[in-house]
Amino acid sequence: MVRKQSSSKKTKPKTELTELEKFYVEQKCREGVSLADIKKQNISPLALVEQLYKETSASMHSENKPTAGKLMSRNEKYGTVVMTPASSEFADSKRPTSKSSKVEKKETHIHKFR
């Protein structure tokens, strides 16, 4: 008994991008190419391409934000770190301001003792 093999194979829809496609989308995003231009390259599924593009662009924007730690002066030879005026001002600007000061918290209280 010999089984016949069907010549038409059903292929599953693609659910992940290959490493090469991921690399291509990430590099084009970093180069500043628009999402519409990347979609023209027939990389499927488009939903995954959009998601990867948005993640890459979001990570690029978060990496470019300055932090107080990046503005500090470092001496690698002695292992010292000094807060510069620029890093101090940056940290002060990011710190949330308190709505009430200590003076406002101390209100007059009337206590009755029995």
N, C-alpha and C. Protein backbone atom coordinates (compact mmCIF):
# COMPACT_ATOMS: atom_id res chain seq x y z
N MET A 1 0.82 -1.17 0.00
CA MET A 1 0.00 0.00 0.00
C MET A 1 0.87 1.25 0.00
N VAL A 2 0.70 2.05 -0.96
CA VAL A 2 1.47 3.27 -1.10
C VAL A 2 0.51 4.44 -0.95
N ARG A 3 0.90 5.37 -0.08
CA ARG A 3 0.06 6.55 0.12
C ARG A 3 0.44 7.62 -0.89
N LYS A 4 -0.55 8.25 -1.36
CA LYS A 4 -0.31 9.33 -2.31
C LYS A 4 -0.04 10.62 -1.55
N GLN A 5 0.95 11.32 -1.95
CA GLN A 5 1.26 12.60 -1.34
C GLN A 5 0.62 13.70 -2.18
N SER A 6 -0.02 14.58 -1.50
CA SER A 6 -0.65 15.68 -2.23
C SER A 6 0.41 16.68 -2.66
N SER A 7 0.26 17.18 -3.85
CA SER A 7 1.26 18.10 -4.38
C SER A 7 1.06 19.52 -3.87
N SER A 8 -0.12 19.83 -3.43
CA SER A 8 -0.37 21.19 -2.93
C SER A 8 -0.25 21.19 -1.41
N LYS A 9 0.71 21.90 -0.92
CA LYS A 9 0.93 22.01 0.53
C LYS A 9 0.35 23.33 1.01
N LYS A 10 -0.34 23.27 2.11
CA LYS A 10 -0.89 24.50 2.69
C LYS A 10 0.18 25.09 3.61
N THR A 11 0.45 26.35 3.40
CA THR A 11 1.43 27.01 4.23
C THR A 11 0.72 27.82 5.30
N LYS A 12 1.31 27.83 6.45
CA LYS A 12 0.74 28.60 7.55
C LYS A 12 1.06 30.08 7.34
N PRO A 13 0.17 30.94 7.77
CA PRO A 13 0.49 32.37 7.67
C PRO A 13 1.65 32.71 8.60
N LYS A 14 2.42 33.66 8.19
CA LYS A 14 3.61 34.07 8.94
C LYS A 14 3.21 34.81 10.21
N THR A 15 3.75 34.40 11.35
CA THR A 15 3.40 35.04 12.61
C THR A 15 4.55 35.82 13.23
N GLU A 16 5.74 35.66 12.69
CA GLU A 16 6.91 36.37 13.22
C GLU A 16 7.76 36.88 12.08
N LEU A 17 8.51 37.93 12.38
CA LEU A 17 9.47 38.44 11.40
C LEU A 17 10.78 37.70 11.57
N THR A 18 11.48 37.50 10.47
CA THR A 18 12.79 36.87 10.57
C THR A 18 13.79 37.88 11.13
N GLU A 19 14.94 37.39 11.53
CA GLU A 19 15.98 38.28 12.08
C GLU A 19 16.42 39.32 11.05
N LEU A 20 16.48 38.91 9.80
CA LEU A 20 16.88 39.82 8.74
C LEU A 20 15.84 40.93 8.55
N GLU A 21 14.57 40.57 8.61
CA GLU A 21 13.51 41.57 8.46
C GLU A 21 13.50 42.53 9.64
N LYS A 22 13.70 41.99 10.85
CA LYS A 22 13.76 42.84 12.04
C LYS A 22 14.91 43.83 11.93
N PHE A 23 16.07 43.34 11.52
CA PHE A 23 17.24 44.19 11.36
C PHE A 23 16.98 45.29 10.35
N TYR A 24 16.36 44.92 9.23
CA TYR A 24 16.07 45.88 8.17
C TYR A 24 15.15 46.99 8.68
N VAL A 25 14.07 46.61 9.37
CA VAL A 25 13.10 47.60 9.86
C VAL A 25 13.75 48.51 10.90
N GLU A 26 14.53 47.93 11.83
CA GLU A 26 15.19 48.73 12.86
C GLU A 26 16.18 49.73 12.26
N GLN A 27 16.98 49.28 11.29
CA GLN A 27 17.97 50.16 10.67
C GLN A 27 17.31 51.29 9.89
N LYS A 28 16.26 50.97 9.15
CA LYS A 28 15.56 52.00 8.39
C LYS A 28 14.88 53.00 9.32
N CYS A 29 14.39 52.54 10.46
CA CYS A 29 13.79 53.44 11.45
C CYS A 29 14.85 54.39 12.00
N ARG A 30 16.02 53.86 12.31
CA ARG A 30 17.11 54.70 12.83
C ARG A 30 17.62 55.69 11.80
N GLU A 31 17.52 55.32 10.51
CA GLU A 31 17.94 56.22 9.44
C GLU A 31 16.91 57.31 9.17
N GLY A 32 15.71 57.16 9.71
CA GLY A 32 14.68 58.17 9.53
C GLY A 32 13.74 57.90 8.37
N VAL A 33 13.74 56.68 7.85
CA VAL A 33 12.84 56.32 6.76
C VAL A 33 11.42 56.18 7.33
N SER A 34 10.43 56.65 6.60
CA SER A 34 9.05 56.60 7.11
C SER A 34 8.51 55.18 7.07
N LEU A 35 7.48 54.96 7.86
CA LEU A 35 6.85 53.65 7.95
C LEU A 35 6.22 53.26 6.62
N ALA A 36 5.67 54.23 5.90
CA ALA A 36 5.04 53.94 4.60
C ALA A 36 6.07 53.42 3.60
N ASP A 37 7.28 53.97 3.63
CA ASP A 37 8.32 53.50 2.71
C ASP A 37 8.76 52.07 3.05
N ILE A 38 8.78 51.75 4.33
CA ILE A 38 9.17 50.40 4.75
C ILE A 38 8.09 49.40 4.35
N LYS A 39 6.83 49.80 4.45
CA LYS A 39 5.73 48.91 4.07
C LYS A 39 5.76 48.57 2.58
N LYS A 40 6.34 49.42 1.76
CA LYS A 40 6.42 49.18 0.32
C LYS A 40 7.35 48.02 -0.02
N GLN A 41 8.16 47.58 0.92
CA GLN A 41 9.12 46.51 0.67
C GLN A 41 8.49 45.12 0.76
N ASN A 42 7.17 45.05 0.96
CA ASN A 42 6.42 43.79 1.00
C ASN A 42 6.90 42.85 2.11
N ILE A 43 7.17 43.40 3.26
CA ILE A 43 7.49 42.58 4.42
C ILE A 43 6.16 42.30 5.11
N SER A 44 5.86 41.04 5.32
CA SER A 44 4.59 40.71 5.95
C SER A 44 4.85 39.96 7.24
N PRO A 45 3.98 40.00 8.19
CA PRO A 45 2.74 40.74 8.30
C PRO A 45 2.98 42.20 8.66
N LEU A 46 2.16 43.05 8.12
CA LEU A 46 2.34 44.50 8.29
C LEU A 46 2.14 44.94 9.73
N ALA A 47 1.29 44.24 10.46
CA ALA A 47 1.05 44.62 11.87
C ALA A 47 2.34 44.47 12.69
N LEU A 48 3.10 43.43 12.42
CA LEU A 48 4.36 43.24 13.15
C LEU A 48 5.40 44.27 12.73
N VAL A 49 5.38 44.66 11.46
CA VAL A 49 6.30 45.70 10.99
C VAL A 49 5.99 47.02 11.69
N GLU A 50 4.70 47.36 11.78
CA GLU A 50 4.29 48.60 12.46
C GLU A 50 4.69 48.57 13.93
N GLN A 51 4.45 47.44 14.58
CA GLN A 51 4.77 47.32 16.01
C GLN A 51 6.27 47.47 16.24
N LEU A 52 7.08 46.81 15.43
CA LEU A 52 8.54 46.90 15.59
C LEU A 52 9.03 48.31 15.30
N TYR A 53 8.46 48.96 14.31
CA TYR A 53 8.84 50.34 13.97
C TYR A 53 8.53 51.27 15.14
N LYS A 54 7.35 51.13 15.73
CA LYS A 54 6.97 51.99 16.86
C LYS A 54 7.85 51.73 18.07
N GLU A 55 8.17 50.47 18.35
CA GLU A 55 9.04 50.15 19.48
C GLU A 55 10.44 50.73 19.28
N THR A 56 10.94 50.62 18.07
CA THR A 56 12.28 51.13 17.77
C THR A 56 12.33 52.65 17.89
N SER A 57 11.31 53.32 17.35
CA SER A 57 11.30 54.78 17.43
C SER A 57 11.13 55.25 18.87
N ALA A 58 10.34 54.53 19.67
CA ALA A 58 10.17 54.90 21.08
C ALA A 58 11.47 54.71 21.85
N SER A 59 12.20 53.64 21.57
CA SER A 59 13.46 53.41 22.28
C SER A 59 14.51 54.43 21.86
N MET A 60 14.46 54.87 20.60
CA MET A 60 15.41 55.90 20.15
C MET A 60 15.16 57.21 20.88
N HIS A 61 13.90 57.56 21.09
CA HIS A 61 13.59 58.81 21.76
C HIS A 61 13.95 58.74 23.25
N SER A 62 13.77 57.59 23.87
CA SER A 62 14.10 57.47 25.28
C SER A 62 15.61 57.47 25.50
N GLU A 63 16.38 56.95 24.54
CA GLU A 63 17.84 56.94 24.67
C GLU A 63 18.43 58.33 24.53
N ASN A 64 17.77 59.21 23.79
CA ASN A 64 18.30 60.54 23.55
C ASN A 64 18.00 61.53 24.66
N LYS A 65 17.14 61.16 25.60
CA LYS A 65 16.79 62.08 26.68
C LYS A 65 17.97 62.19 27.65
N PRO A 66 18.34 63.41 28.00
CA PRO A 66 19.45 63.56 28.95
C PRO A 66 18.98 63.22 30.37
N THR A 67 19.90 62.73 31.15
CA THR A 67 19.64 62.46 32.56
C THR A 67 20.69 63.19 33.38
N ALA A 68 20.42 63.34 34.66
CA ALA A 68 21.38 64.00 35.53
C ALA A 68 22.67 63.19 35.62
N GLY A 69 22.56 61.87 35.56
CA GLY A 69 23.74 61.02 35.62
C GLY A 69 24.66 61.21 34.44
N LYS A 70 24.09 61.46 33.26
CA LYS A 70 24.91 61.65 32.07
C LYS A 70 25.62 62.99 32.10
N LEU A 71 25.09 63.97 32.86
CA LEU A 71 25.67 65.30 32.92
C LEU A 71 26.74 65.42 34.00
N MET A 72 26.94 64.37 34.79
CA MET A 72 27.92 64.43 35.87
C MET A 72 29.34 64.30 35.32
N SER A 73 30.27 64.91 36.04
CA SER A 73 31.68 64.83 35.66
C SER A 73 32.29 63.59 36.30
N ARG A 74 33.02 62.81 35.51
CA ARG A 74 33.59 61.56 36.02
C ARG A 74 35.10 61.54 35.82
N ASN A 75 35.79 60.97 36.77
CA ASN A 75 37.22 60.73 36.68
C ASN A 75 37.43 59.24 36.85
N GLU A 76 37.63 58.54 35.72
CA GLU A 76 37.75 57.09 35.75
C GLU A 76 39.01 56.62 36.47
N LYS A 77 40.05 57.44 36.44
CA LYS A 77 41.32 57.05 37.06
C LYS A 77 41.16 56.88 38.57
N TYR A 78 40.47 57.82 39.20
CA TYR A 78 40.30 57.78 40.65
C TYR A 78 38.93 57.26 41.07
N GLY A 79 38.04 57.06 40.11
CA GLY A 79 36.72 56.53 40.43
C GLY A 79 35.82 57.53 41.12
N THR A 80 35.96 58.79 40.77
CA THR A 80 35.15 59.83 41.41
C THR A 80 34.10 60.36 40.45
N VAL A 81 33.01 60.83 41.03
CA VAL A 81 31.93 61.44 40.27
C VAL A 81 31.56 62.74 40.97
N VAL A 82 31.49 63.83 40.21
CA VAL A 82 31.18 65.13 40.77
C VAL A 82 29.95 65.68 40.06
N MET A 83 29.02 66.20 40.85
CA MET A 83 27.83 66.79 40.26
C MET A 83 28.18 68.18 39.75
N THR A 84 27.97 68.38 38.48
CA THR A 84 28.25 69.68 37.86
C THR A 84 27.04 70.59 38.04
N PRO A 85 27.20 71.88 37.86
CA PRO A 85 26.05 72.78 37.96
C PRO A 85 24.94 72.42 36.97
N ALA A 86 25.31 71.98 35.79
CA ALA A 86 24.30 71.61 34.79
C ALA A 86 23.48 70.41 35.26
N SER A 87 24.14 69.40 35.84
CA SER A 87 23.40 68.23 36.31
C SER A 87 22.55 68.57 37.52
N SER A 88 23.01 69.47 38.37
CA SER A 88 22.24 69.89 39.53
C SER A 88 20.97 70.63 39.10
N GLU A 89 21.12 71.54 38.14
CA GLU A 89 19.95 72.28 37.64
C GLU A 89 18.97 71.35 36.95
N PHE A 90 19.49 70.38 36.21
CA PHE A 90 18.61 69.43 35.52
C PHE A 90 17.84 68.60 36.53
N ALA A 91 18.51 68.12 37.58
CA ALA A 91 17.84 67.32 38.60
C ALA A 91 16.79 68.14 39.33
N ASP A 92 17.10 69.42 39.60
CA ASP A 92 16.12 70.29 40.26
C ASP A 92 14.90 70.54 39.40
N SER A 93 15.09 70.64 38.09
CA SER A 93 13.96 70.90 37.21
C SER A 93 13.07 69.67 37.08
N LYS A 94 13.62 68.48 37.24
CA LYS A 94 12.83 67.25 37.12
C LYS A 94 12.15 66.87 38.43
N ARG A 95 12.63 67.40 39.54
CA ARG A 95 12.06 67.07 40.84
C ARG A 95 10.68 67.72 40.95
N PRO A 96 9.68 66.95 41.40
CA PRO A 96 8.34 67.56 41.53
C PRO A 96 8.32 68.60 42.65
N THR A 97 7.62 69.67 42.39
CA THR A 97 7.53 70.72 43.40
C THR A 97 6.42 70.38 44.38
N SER A 98 6.65 70.70 45.62
CA SER A 98 5.63 70.42 46.63
C SER A 98 4.61 71.55 46.61
N LYS A 99 3.36 71.18 46.77
CA LYS A 99 2.28 72.17 46.68
C LYS A 99 2.18 73.00 47.96
N SER A 100 2.49 72.38 49.05
CA SER A 100 2.38 73.12 50.31
C SER A 100 3.73 73.11 51.02
N SER A 101 4.07 74.21 51.58
CA SER A 101 5.33 74.29 52.31
C SER A 101 5.09 73.90 53.77
N LYS A 102 6.16 73.80 54.53
CA LYS A 102 6.04 73.39 55.92
C LYS A 102 5.30 74.43 56.75
N VAL A 103 5.40 75.68 56.37
CA VAL A 103 4.74 76.74 57.11
C VAL A 103 3.22 76.61 56.97
N GLU A 104 2.76 76.26 55.79
CA GLU A 104 1.33 76.12 55.57
C GLU A 104 0.75 74.93 56.30
N LYS A 105 1.55 73.90 56.55
CA LYS A 105 1.07 72.72 57.24
C LYS A 105 0.81 73.00 58.71
N LYS A 106 1.54 73.94 59.29
CA LYS A 106 1.38 74.25 60.70
C LYS A 106 0.28 75.29 60.86
N GLU A 107 -0.92 74.80 60.97
CA GLU A 107 -2.05 75.69 61.18
C GLU A 107 -2.33 75.76 62.69
N THR A 108 -3.07 76.76 63.06
CA THR A 108 -3.42 76.86 64.47
C THR A 108 -4.44 75.79 64.80
N HIS A 109 -4.17 75.09 65.85
CA HIS A 109 -5.08 74.02 66.27
C HIS A 109 -5.58 74.36 67.67
N ILE A 110 -6.84 74.13 67.86
CA ILE A 110 -7.43 74.35 69.17
C ILE A 110 -7.70 72.96 69.77
N HIS A 111 -7.10 72.74 70.92
CA HIS A 111 -7.27 71.46 71.58
C HIS A 111 -8.11 71.68 72.85
N LYS A 112 -9.09 70.86 73.01
CA LYS A 112 -9.91 70.93 74.22
C LYS A 112 -9.61 69.69 75.04
N PHE A 113 -9.30 69.94 76.33
CA PHE A 113 -9.03 68.85 77.24
C PHE A 113 -10.15 68.79 78.25
N ARG A 114 -10.61 67.66 78.58
CA ARG A 114 -11.69 67.52 79.54
C ARG A 114 -11.20 67.52 80.94
